[in-house]
N, C-alpha and C. Protein backbone atom coordinates (compact mmCIF):
# COMPACT_ATOMS: atom_id res chain seq x y z
N MET A 1 -71.82 -50.97 -4.42
CA MET A 1 -70.51 -50.39 -4.56
C MET A 1 -69.73 -50.62 -3.25
N SER A 2 -68.50 -51.08 -3.37
CA SER A 2 -67.70 -51.35 -2.19
C SER A 2 -67.19 -50.05 -1.56
N LEU A 3 -66.79 -50.14 -0.30
CA LEU A 3 -66.26 -48.97 0.39
C LEU A 3 -65.00 -48.45 -0.29
N SER A 4 -64.15 -49.33 -0.78
CA SER A 4 -62.93 -48.87 -1.45
C SER A 4 -63.27 -48.13 -2.75
N GLU A 5 -64.33 -48.56 -3.45
CA GLU A 5 -64.76 -47.84 -4.66
C GLU A 5 -65.33 -46.47 -4.29
N ILE A 6 -66.12 -46.43 -3.23
CA ILE A 6 -66.68 -45.16 -2.75
C ILE A 6 -65.56 -44.22 -2.33
N GLU A 7 -64.60 -44.76 -1.59
CA GLU A 7 -63.47 -43.95 -1.11
C GLU A 7 -62.75 -43.27 -2.27
N LYS A 8 -62.57 -43.98 -3.37
CA LYS A 8 -61.88 -43.42 -4.54
C LYS A 8 -62.68 -42.31 -5.20
N LYS A 9 -64.01 -42.31 -5.02
CA LYS A 9 -64.87 -41.31 -5.66
C LYS A 9 -65.09 -40.07 -4.80
N ILE A 10 -64.73 -40.15 -3.52
CA ILE A 10 -64.89 -38.99 -2.64
C ILE A 10 -63.68 -38.08 -2.80
N LYS A 11 -63.94 -36.83 -3.08
CA LYS A 11 -62.89 -35.83 -3.26
C LYS A 11 -63.12 -34.68 -2.29
N PHE A 12 -62.02 -34.08 -1.85
CA PHE A 12 -62.07 -32.92 -0.97
C PHE A 12 -61.60 -31.72 -1.79
N LYS A 13 -62.53 -30.81 -2.07
CA LYS A 13 -62.22 -29.63 -2.88
C LYS A 13 -62.07 -28.43 -1.97
N ASN A 14 -60.87 -27.87 -1.92
CA ASN A 14 -60.59 -26.73 -1.07
C ASN A 14 -61.53 -25.58 -1.44
N PHE A 15 -62.06 -24.90 -0.42
CA PHE A 15 -62.98 -23.78 -0.66
C PHE A 15 -62.37 -22.74 -1.60
N VAL A 16 -61.07 -22.52 -1.51
CA VAL A 16 -60.46 -21.48 -2.37
C VAL A 16 -60.48 -21.88 -3.84
N ASP A 17 -60.74 -23.15 -4.14
CA ASP A 17 -60.80 -23.63 -5.51
C ASP A 17 -62.23 -23.83 -6.02
N LEU A 18 -63.22 -23.48 -5.21
CA LEU A 18 -64.62 -23.64 -5.63
C LEU A 18 -64.99 -22.61 -6.67
N SER A 19 -65.84 -23.02 -7.61
CA SER A 19 -66.43 -22.05 -8.53
C SER A 19 -67.44 -21.21 -7.74
N LYS A 20 -67.89 -20.12 -8.32
CA LYS A 20 -68.88 -19.28 -7.65
C LYS A 20 -70.15 -20.09 -7.35
N GLU A 21 -70.57 -20.90 -8.30
CA GLU A 21 -71.77 -21.71 -8.12
C GLU A 21 -71.60 -22.72 -6.98
N GLU A 22 -70.43 -23.34 -6.91
CA GLU A 22 -70.17 -24.30 -5.84
C GLU A 22 -70.14 -23.60 -4.48
N ALA A 23 -69.51 -22.43 -4.44
CA ALA A 23 -69.45 -21.67 -3.18
C ALA A 23 -70.85 -21.27 -2.72
N LEU A 24 -71.70 -20.90 -3.66
CA LEU A 24 -73.08 -20.55 -3.32
C LEU A 24 -73.86 -21.77 -2.85
N GLN A 25 -73.59 -22.92 -3.42
CA GLN A 25 -74.25 -24.15 -2.98
C GLN A 25 -73.85 -24.47 -1.54
N VAL A 26 -72.56 -24.35 -1.22
CA VAL A 26 -72.09 -24.58 0.14
C VAL A 26 -72.77 -23.61 1.10
N LEU A 27 -72.85 -22.35 0.71
CA LEU A 27 -73.51 -21.34 1.55
C LEU A 27 -74.98 -21.69 1.78
N GLU A 28 -75.65 -22.10 0.72
CA GLU A 28 -77.06 -22.48 0.85
C GLU A 28 -77.23 -23.61 1.86
N TYR A 29 -76.39 -24.61 1.77
CA TYR A 29 -76.46 -25.73 2.71
C TYR A 29 -76.15 -25.26 4.13
N ARG A 30 -75.10 -24.46 4.27
CA ARG A 30 -74.68 -24.00 5.61
C ARG A 30 -75.77 -23.20 6.30
N ASN A 31 -76.59 -22.50 5.51
CA ASN A 31 -77.64 -21.66 6.08
C ASN A 31 -78.95 -22.41 6.32
N LEU A 32 -79.01 -23.68 5.99
CA LEU A 32 -80.22 -24.46 6.26
C LEU A 32 -80.44 -24.56 7.77
N PRO A 33 -81.69 -24.42 8.23
CA PRO A 33 -81.96 -24.49 9.68
C PRO A 33 -81.45 -25.77 10.33
N GLU A 34 -81.57 -26.91 9.65
CA GLU A 34 -81.14 -28.18 10.25
C GLU A 34 -79.62 -28.28 10.39
N ILE A 35 -78.89 -27.49 9.61
CA ILE A 35 -77.43 -27.43 9.76
C ILE A 35 -77.07 -26.40 10.83
N ARG A 36 -77.65 -25.22 10.74
CA ARG A 36 -77.33 -24.11 11.67
C ARG A 36 -77.61 -24.46 13.12
N LYS A 37 -78.64 -25.25 13.38
CA LYS A 37 -79.03 -25.53 14.76
C LYS A 37 -77.92 -26.23 15.55
N ASN A 38 -77.02 -26.92 14.86
CA ASN A 38 -75.94 -27.63 15.54
C ASN A 38 -74.59 -26.93 15.44
N MET A 39 -74.59 -25.73 14.92
CA MET A 39 -73.35 -24.97 14.76
C MET A 39 -73.11 -24.07 15.98
N LEU A 40 -71.85 -23.80 16.25
CA LEU A 40 -71.53 -22.86 17.32
C LEU A 40 -71.98 -21.46 16.93
N THR A 41 -71.91 -21.14 15.63
CA THR A 41 -72.40 -19.87 15.10
C THR A 41 -73.69 -20.15 14.34
N LYS A 42 -74.81 -19.72 14.89
CA LYS A 42 -76.11 -20.08 14.34
C LYS A 42 -76.69 -19.05 13.35
N GLU A 43 -76.05 -17.90 13.26
CA GLU A 43 -76.60 -16.83 12.41
C GLU A 43 -76.52 -17.23 10.93
N ILE A 44 -77.46 -16.69 10.17
CA ILE A 44 -77.43 -16.86 8.72
C ILE A 44 -76.23 -16.07 8.19
N ILE A 45 -75.46 -16.72 7.33
CA ILE A 45 -74.28 -16.09 6.75
C ILE A 45 -74.68 -15.41 5.44
N ARG A 46 -74.33 -14.14 5.31
CA ARG A 46 -74.65 -13.39 4.09
C ARG A 46 -73.66 -13.76 2.98
N GLU A 47 -74.12 -13.63 1.75
CA GLU A 47 -73.31 -14.01 0.60
C GLU A 47 -71.98 -13.27 0.56
N ASP A 48 -72.00 -11.94 0.77
CA ASP A 48 -70.74 -11.19 0.71
C ASP A 48 -69.79 -11.61 1.82
N ASP A 49 -70.32 -11.92 3.01
CA ASP A 49 -69.47 -12.40 4.11
C ASP A 49 -68.87 -13.76 3.78
N HIS A 50 -69.64 -14.61 3.13
CA HIS A 50 -69.17 -15.94 2.74
C HIS A 50 -67.99 -15.83 1.77
N PHE A 51 -68.12 -14.95 0.78
CA PHE A 51 -67.04 -14.80 -0.20
C PHE A 51 -65.82 -14.12 0.41
N LYS A 52 -66.02 -13.21 1.36
CA LYS A 52 -64.87 -12.62 2.08
C LYS A 52 -64.16 -13.69 2.90
N PHE A 53 -64.95 -14.56 3.53
CA PHE A 53 -64.37 -15.65 4.32
C PHE A 53 -63.52 -16.54 3.43
N ILE A 54 -64.06 -16.94 2.29
CA ILE A 54 -63.31 -17.81 1.37
C ILE A 54 -62.05 -17.12 0.89
N ASP A 55 -62.16 -15.84 0.56
CA ASP A 55 -60.98 -15.09 0.12
C ASP A 55 -59.92 -15.04 1.23
N GLY A 56 -60.35 -14.88 2.47
CA GLY A 56 -59.43 -14.85 3.60
C GLY A 56 -58.71 -16.17 3.83
N LEU A 57 -59.33 -17.28 3.39
CA LEU A 57 -58.69 -18.59 3.55
C LEU A 57 -57.41 -18.71 2.72
N LYS A 58 -57.31 -17.92 1.66
CA LYS A 58 -56.13 -17.99 0.79
C LYS A 58 -54.84 -17.65 1.54
N SER A 59 -54.94 -16.81 2.55
CA SER A 59 -53.74 -16.40 3.28
C SER A 59 -53.71 -16.90 4.73
N ASP A 60 -54.70 -17.68 5.12
CA ASP A 60 -54.78 -18.17 6.50
C ASP A 60 -54.31 -19.61 6.57
N ARG A 61 -53.11 -19.82 7.04
CA ARG A 61 -52.51 -21.15 7.10
C ARG A 61 -53.05 -21.99 8.27
N ARG A 62 -53.86 -21.38 9.10
CA ARG A 62 -54.40 -22.10 10.25
C ARG A 62 -55.80 -22.66 10.00
N LYS A 63 -56.31 -22.49 8.76
CA LYS A 63 -57.64 -22.99 8.43
C LYS A 63 -57.63 -23.64 7.05
N GLU A 64 -58.33 -24.77 6.96
CA GLU A 64 -58.55 -25.45 5.68
C GLU A 64 -60.00 -25.91 5.65
N TYR A 65 -60.72 -25.49 4.64
CA TYR A 65 -62.12 -25.87 4.46
C TYR A 65 -62.26 -26.60 3.13
N TYR A 66 -63.01 -27.70 3.16
CA TYR A 66 -63.19 -28.51 1.96
C TYR A 66 -64.66 -28.82 1.72
N ALA A 67 -65.08 -28.69 0.48
CA ALA A 67 -66.37 -29.24 0.06
C ALA A 67 -66.11 -30.71 -0.24
N VAL A 68 -66.99 -31.57 0.21
CA VAL A 68 -66.83 -33.01 -0.03
C VAL A 68 -67.70 -33.36 -1.23
N VAL A 69 -67.06 -33.97 -2.23
CA VAL A 69 -67.71 -34.22 -3.52
C VAL A 69 -67.74 -35.73 -3.78
N PHE A 70 -68.89 -36.20 -4.23
CA PHE A 70 -69.05 -37.59 -4.65
C PHE A 70 -69.80 -37.57 -5.97
N ASN A 71 -69.23 -38.19 -7.00
CA ASN A 71 -69.84 -38.18 -8.34
C ASN A 71 -70.20 -36.76 -8.79
N GLU A 72 -69.26 -35.84 -8.59
CA GLU A 72 -69.40 -34.44 -9.03
C GLU A 72 -70.45 -33.65 -8.24
N GLN A 73 -70.99 -34.20 -7.17
CA GLN A 73 -71.99 -33.51 -6.36
C GLN A 73 -71.43 -33.22 -4.96
N ILE A 74 -71.57 -31.97 -4.51
CA ILE A 74 -71.17 -31.62 -3.16
C ILE A 74 -72.20 -32.21 -2.20
N PHE A 75 -71.72 -32.93 -1.21
CA PHE A 75 -72.66 -33.49 -0.24
C PHE A 75 -72.26 -33.21 1.21
N GLY A 76 -71.15 -32.53 1.41
CA GLY A 76 -70.75 -32.23 2.77
C GLY A 76 -69.63 -31.22 2.80
N VAL A 77 -69.30 -30.81 4.02
CA VAL A 77 -68.18 -29.90 4.26
C VAL A 77 -67.41 -30.43 5.46
N VAL A 78 -66.09 -30.40 5.34
CA VAL A 78 -65.21 -30.74 6.45
C VAL A 78 -64.17 -29.64 6.56
N ASN A 79 -63.72 -29.39 7.77
CA ASN A 79 -62.72 -28.34 7.92
C ASN A 79 -61.77 -28.64 9.06
N LEU A 80 -60.63 -28.00 8.96
CA LEU A 80 -59.64 -27.98 10.02
C LEU A 80 -59.40 -26.52 10.35
N THR A 81 -59.45 -26.19 11.63
CA THR A 81 -59.14 -24.83 12.07
C THR A 81 -58.17 -24.93 13.25
N ASP A 82 -57.68 -23.80 13.66
CA ASP A 82 -56.70 -23.78 14.76
C ASP A 82 -55.58 -24.79 14.52
N ILE A 83 -55.13 -24.85 13.27
CA ILE A 83 -54.05 -25.77 12.92
C ILE A 83 -52.76 -25.27 13.57
N HIS A 84 -52.18 -26.13 14.39
CA HIS A 84 -50.92 -25.81 15.07
C HIS A 84 -49.85 -26.76 14.56
N LEU A 85 -48.94 -26.23 13.76
CA LEU A 85 -47.89 -27.08 13.21
C LEU A 85 -46.90 -27.52 14.27
N THR A 86 -46.70 -26.69 15.28
CA THR A 86 -45.74 -27.03 16.33
C THR A 86 -46.16 -28.27 17.10
N ASN A 87 -47.40 -28.28 17.58
CA ASN A 87 -47.85 -29.46 18.32
C ASN A 87 -48.68 -30.41 17.47
N GLN A 88 -48.74 -30.15 16.17
CA GLN A 88 -49.37 -31.02 15.18
C GLN A 88 -50.81 -31.39 15.55
N SER A 89 -51.60 -30.35 15.81
CA SER A 89 -52.99 -30.56 16.18
C SER A 89 -53.89 -29.61 15.40
N ALA A 90 -55.17 -29.92 15.39
CA ALA A 90 -56.16 -29.08 14.74
C ALA A 90 -57.54 -29.37 15.33
N LEU A 91 -58.41 -28.40 15.18
CA LEU A 91 -59.82 -28.55 15.53
C LEU A 91 -60.54 -28.88 14.24
N TRP A 92 -61.49 -29.81 14.28
CA TRP A 92 -62.21 -30.12 13.04
C TRP A 92 -63.69 -29.83 13.20
N GLY A 93 -64.34 -29.71 12.07
CA GLY A 93 -65.78 -29.53 12.02
C GLY A 93 -66.28 -30.15 10.73
N PHE A 94 -67.58 -30.38 10.67
CA PHE A 94 -68.14 -31.01 9.48
C PHE A 94 -69.66 -30.88 9.49
N TYR A 95 -70.24 -31.01 8.32
CA TYR A 95 -71.67 -31.24 8.19
C TYR A 95 -71.92 -31.93 6.86
N CYS A 96 -73.00 -32.65 6.82
CA CYS A 96 -73.36 -33.44 5.64
C CYS A 96 -74.79 -33.05 5.26
N MET A 97 -75.01 -32.77 3.98
CA MET A 97 -76.34 -32.37 3.54
C MET A 97 -77.01 -33.50 2.77
N ASN A 98 -76.66 -33.60 1.51
CA ASN A 98 -77.22 -34.65 0.67
C ASN A 98 -76.62 -35.98 1.09
N ARG A 99 -77.33 -37.03 0.86
CA ARG A 99 -76.84 -38.36 1.23
C ARG A 99 -76.82 -39.23 -0.04
N PRO A 100 -75.76 -39.09 -0.86
CA PRO A 100 -75.74 -39.83 -2.13
C PRO A 100 -75.49 -41.32 -1.98
N ILE A 101 -75.03 -41.72 -0.80
CA ILE A 101 -74.76 -43.13 -0.53
C ILE A 101 -75.20 -43.44 0.90
N LYS A 102 -75.40 -44.71 1.17
CA LYS A 102 -75.75 -45.12 2.53
C LYS A 102 -74.59 -44.77 3.47
N LEU A 103 -74.93 -44.26 4.64
CA LEU A 103 -73.94 -43.85 5.64
C LEU A 103 -72.97 -42.80 5.09
N ALA A 104 -73.51 -41.87 4.31
CA ALA A 104 -72.68 -40.86 3.64
C ALA A 104 -71.83 -40.06 4.64
N GLY A 105 -72.43 -39.62 5.74
CA GLY A 105 -71.70 -38.82 6.71
C GLY A 105 -70.56 -39.59 7.35
N LYS A 106 -70.83 -40.79 7.79
CA LYS A 106 -69.79 -41.61 8.43
C LYS A 106 -68.69 -41.95 7.43
N THR A 107 -69.08 -42.26 6.21
CA THR A 107 -68.08 -42.58 5.18
C THR A 107 -67.22 -41.37 4.88
N MET A 108 -67.85 -40.20 4.75
CA MET A 108 -67.13 -38.95 4.50
C MET A 108 -66.10 -38.71 5.60
N LEU A 109 -66.49 -38.90 6.86
CA LEU A 109 -65.59 -38.64 7.98
C LEU A 109 -64.48 -39.68 8.05
N TRP A 110 -64.79 -40.92 7.77
CA TRP A 110 -63.77 -41.97 7.76
C TRP A 110 -62.70 -41.66 6.72
N VAL A 111 -63.13 -41.27 5.52
CA VAL A 111 -62.17 -40.93 4.46
C VAL A 111 -61.37 -39.69 4.86
N PHE A 112 -62.03 -38.70 5.46
CA PHE A 112 -61.33 -37.47 5.84
C PHE A 112 -60.31 -37.72 6.94
N LEU A 113 -60.66 -38.51 7.94
CA LEU A 113 -59.69 -38.81 9.01
C LEU A 113 -58.48 -39.57 8.46
N ASN A 114 -58.72 -40.49 7.54
CA ASN A 114 -57.59 -41.18 6.91
C ASN A 114 -56.72 -40.17 6.14
N PHE A 115 -57.36 -39.26 5.43
CA PHE A 115 -56.65 -38.21 4.70
C PHE A 115 -55.81 -37.35 5.65
N ILE A 116 -56.42 -36.90 6.73
CA ILE A 116 -55.72 -36.04 7.70
C ILE A 116 -54.51 -36.77 8.29
N PHE A 117 -54.73 -37.96 8.80
CA PHE A 117 -53.67 -38.65 9.53
C PHE A 117 -52.62 -39.28 8.63
N GLU A 118 -52.95 -39.54 7.38
CA GLU A 118 -51.97 -40.13 6.48
C GLU A 118 -51.23 -39.09 5.64
N GLN A 119 -51.86 -37.93 5.37
CA GLN A 119 -51.25 -36.97 4.45
C GLN A 119 -50.90 -35.63 5.07
N LYS A 120 -51.36 -35.38 6.26
CA LYS A 120 -51.07 -34.11 6.92
C LYS A 120 -50.20 -34.39 8.14
N GLU A 121 -49.50 -33.40 8.58
CA GLU A 121 -48.67 -33.56 9.78
C GLU A 121 -49.49 -33.19 11.00
N ILE A 122 -50.53 -33.99 11.22
CA ILE A 122 -51.46 -33.79 12.33
C ILE A 122 -51.44 -35.05 13.19
N ASN A 123 -51.26 -34.88 14.49
CA ASN A 123 -51.26 -36.03 15.41
C ASN A 123 -52.48 -36.08 16.32
N SER A 124 -53.21 -34.94 16.43
CA SER A 124 -54.40 -34.90 17.28
C SER A 124 -55.47 -34.05 16.62
N ILE A 125 -56.68 -34.56 16.63
CA ILE A 125 -57.84 -33.82 16.13
C ILE A 125 -58.75 -33.56 17.33
N TYR A 126 -59.11 -32.30 17.49
CA TYR A 126 -60.00 -31.90 18.57
C TYR A 126 -61.35 -31.53 17.98
N SER A 127 -62.37 -31.65 18.79
CA SER A 127 -63.72 -31.28 18.36
C SER A 127 -64.45 -30.65 19.53
N ILE A 128 -65.28 -29.68 19.22
CA ILE A 128 -66.16 -29.06 20.20
C ILE A 128 -67.57 -29.15 19.64
N ILE A 129 -68.46 -29.77 20.38
CA ILE A 129 -69.85 -29.88 19.92
C ILE A 129 -70.79 -29.41 21.02
N LEU A 130 -71.96 -29.01 20.60
CA LEU A 130 -72.98 -28.61 21.55
C LEU A 130 -73.47 -29.84 22.30
N GLU A 131 -73.75 -29.67 23.57
CA GLU A 131 -74.23 -30.78 24.40
C GLU A 131 -75.52 -31.37 23.83
N SER A 132 -76.33 -30.54 23.17
CA SER A 132 -77.60 -31.00 22.60
C SER A 132 -77.44 -31.83 21.33
N ASN A 133 -76.24 -31.86 20.76
CA ASN A 133 -76.01 -32.56 19.50
C ASN A 133 -75.59 -34.02 19.77
N LYS A 134 -76.54 -34.80 20.23
CA LYS A 134 -76.29 -36.19 20.60
C LYS A 134 -75.84 -37.04 19.41
N ARG A 135 -76.38 -36.73 18.24
CA ARG A 135 -76.01 -37.49 17.03
C ARG A 135 -74.52 -37.35 16.74
N SER A 136 -74.03 -36.12 16.83
CA SER A 136 -72.61 -35.88 16.59
C SER A 136 -71.76 -36.56 17.67
N LEU A 137 -72.21 -36.51 18.91
CA LEU A 137 -71.48 -37.16 19.99
C LEU A 137 -71.36 -38.66 19.73
N ASP A 138 -72.46 -39.27 19.29
CA ASP A 138 -72.43 -40.71 19.00
C ASP A 138 -71.45 -41.03 17.87
N VAL A 139 -71.41 -40.18 16.85
CA VAL A 139 -70.48 -40.39 15.73
C VAL A 139 -69.04 -40.26 16.23
N HIS A 140 -68.78 -39.23 17.02
CA HIS A 140 -67.43 -39.05 17.56
C HIS A 140 -67.00 -40.26 18.39
N LYS A 141 -67.89 -40.76 19.20
CA LYS A 141 -67.55 -41.93 20.02
C LYS A 141 -67.28 -43.15 19.15
N LEU A 142 -68.10 -43.36 18.11
CA LEU A 142 -67.88 -44.46 17.18
C LEU A 142 -66.49 -44.37 16.56
N PHE A 143 -66.05 -43.14 16.28
CA PHE A 143 -64.77 -42.92 15.62
C PHE A 143 -63.60 -42.91 16.60
N GLY A 144 -63.85 -43.14 17.87
CA GLY A 144 -62.77 -43.28 18.84
C GLY A 144 -62.37 -42.02 19.56
N PHE A 145 -63.13 -40.94 19.40
CA PHE A 145 -62.81 -39.70 20.12
C PHE A 145 -63.07 -39.91 21.60
N GLU A 146 -62.19 -39.34 22.40
CA GLU A 146 -62.35 -39.38 23.85
C GLU A 146 -62.98 -38.07 24.32
N VAL A 147 -63.96 -38.18 25.19
CA VAL A 147 -64.56 -37.00 25.81
C VAL A 147 -63.64 -36.60 26.94
N TYR A 148 -63.13 -35.36 26.90
CA TYR A 148 -62.23 -34.96 27.98
C TYR A 148 -62.74 -33.80 28.80
N GLN A 149 -63.92 -33.31 28.48
CA GLN A 149 -64.53 -32.28 29.31
C GLN A 149 -65.98 -32.14 28.86
N SER A 150 -66.86 -31.84 29.78
CA SER A 150 -68.25 -31.67 29.40
C SER A 150 -68.92 -30.63 30.29
N LYS A 151 -69.53 -29.65 29.66
CA LYS A 151 -70.37 -28.66 30.34
C LYS A 151 -71.50 -28.38 29.36
N ASP A 152 -71.64 -27.13 28.91
CA ASP A 152 -72.61 -26.84 27.85
C ASP A 152 -72.08 -27.30 26.50
N MET A 153 -70.77 -27.45 26.44
CA MET A 153 -70.10 -27.93 25.24
C MET A 153 -69.41 -29.24 25.59
N ILE A 154 -69.26 -30.07 24.59
CA ILE A 154 -68.53 -31.32 24.78
C ILE A 154 -67.24 -31.22 23.98
N ASN A 155 -66.13 -31.44 24.64
CA ASN A 155 -64.81 -31.40 24.00
C ASN A 155 -64.32 -32.82 23.82
N LEU A 156 -63.76 -33.08 22.64
CA LEU A 156 -63.32 -34.42 22.31
C LEU A 156 -61.95 -34.36 21.65
N VAL A 157 -61.24 -35.49 21.70
CA VAL A 157 -59.94 -35.58 21.05
C VAL A 157 -59.75 -36.97 20.47
N LEU A 158 -59.08 -37.03 19.32
CA LEU A 158 -58.71 -38.29 18.70
C LEU A 158 -57.22 -38.20 18.34
N LYS A 159 -56.46 -39.17 18.78
CA LYS A 159 -55.02 -39.23 18.51
C LYS A 159 -54.76 -40.07 17.27
N LYS A 160 -53.78 -39.64 16.48
CA LYS A 160 -53.41 -40.32 15.25
C LYS A 160 -53.13 -41.81 15.47
N ASP A 161 -52.33 -42.13 16.48
CA ASP A 161 -51.99 -43.53 16.73
C ASP A 161 -53.22 -44.37 17.02
N ASP A 162 -54.15 -43.82 17.80
CA ASP A 162 -55.39 -44.56 18.10
C ASP A 162 -56.19 -44.81 16.83
N TRP A 163 -56.27 -43.79 15.98
CA TRP A 163 -57.03 -43.92 14.73
C TRP A 163 -56.40 -44.97 13.83
N LEU A 164 -55.11 -44.84 13.57
CA LEU A 164 -54.46 -45.72 12.61
C LEU A 164 -54.33 -47.16 13.11
N LYS A 165 -54.13 -47.34 14.41
CA LYS A 165 -53.93 -48.69 14.96
C LYS A 165 -55.22 -49.42 15.27
N LYS A 166 -56.31 -48.68 15.49
CA LYS A 166 -57.52 -49.35 15.97
C LYS A 166 -58.79 -48.87 15.29
N TYR A 167 -59.09 -47.59 15.43
CA TYR A 167 -60.43 -47.12 15.08
C TYR A 167 -60.71 -47.06 13.58
N SER A 168 -59.72 -46.77 12.75
CA SER A 168 -59.97 -46.72 11.32
C SER A 168 -60.53 -48.05 10.81
N GLU A 169 -59.92 -49.14 11.23
CA GLU A 169 -60.38 -50.46 10.81
C GLU A 169 -61.74 -50.80 11.41
N GLN A 170 -61.97 -50.43 12.67
CA GLN A 170 -63.26 -50.69 13.30
C GLN A 170 -64.39 -49.95 12.59
N VAL A 171 -64.16 -48.68 12.27
CA VAL A 171 -65.19 -47.89 11.59
C VAL A 171 -65.40 -48.45 10.18
N LYS A 172 -64.33 -48.81 9.51
CA LYS A 172 -64.46 -49.41 8.17
C LYS A 172 -65.34 -50.65 8.23
N GLN A 173 -65.09 -51.51 9.19
CA GLN A 173 -65.90 -52.73 9.33
C GLN A 173 -67.37 -52.38 9.64
N PHE A 174 -67.58 -51.36 10.48
CA PHE A 174 -68.94 -50.94 10.79
C PHE A 174 -69.66 -50.47 9.53
N ILE A 175 -69.01 -49.62 8.73
CA ILE A 175 -69.62 -49.09 7.50
C ILE A 175 -69.91 -50.22 6.53
N GLU A 176 -68.97 -51.12 6.36
CA GLU A 176 -69.15 -52.23 5.42
C GLU A 176 -70.24 -53.19 5.85
N SER A 177 -70.50 -53.28 7.15
CA SER A 177 -71.51 -54.22 7.65
C SER A 177 -72.94 -53.69 7.53
N GLN A 178 -73.09 -52.42 7.25
CA GLN A 178 -74.43 -51.81 7.22
C GLN A 178 -75.12 -52.03 5.87
């Protein structure tokens, strides 16, 4: 299957539109030890807290959470938080559980960044990752994020112009070559 065919099959379903079963599936994945270990918040999330969080998203214009769906199966989560319409920036986060296709995580992120920069009024995406999360750091670097500070946390930024003029095509070629 070509990348363009895969891209057409990847959908971003807003958390507020998830069925109860889908929301529970997202919660189950989020609470997996291999996911939690790389999160800023490592505690197990309780079901009632999860549903309160989703309900709160309905009125919070500074946060957007999406389940990533491929062939009707949720395989990841991507989000934008700290959305600032004035300076057109947001903080992003993501995790990938099931791998329905080769390079599922990278493909998911490539499609999401294209979605953000082409359909949203966002000019900068910021990321904060744990210093121990080398895998995420490598992905961010592949996608053109610049490291602008490093201590216990690594802060990164990707500008819309850099993505659209250079990195989107480079990442596409990388994914297609694998």
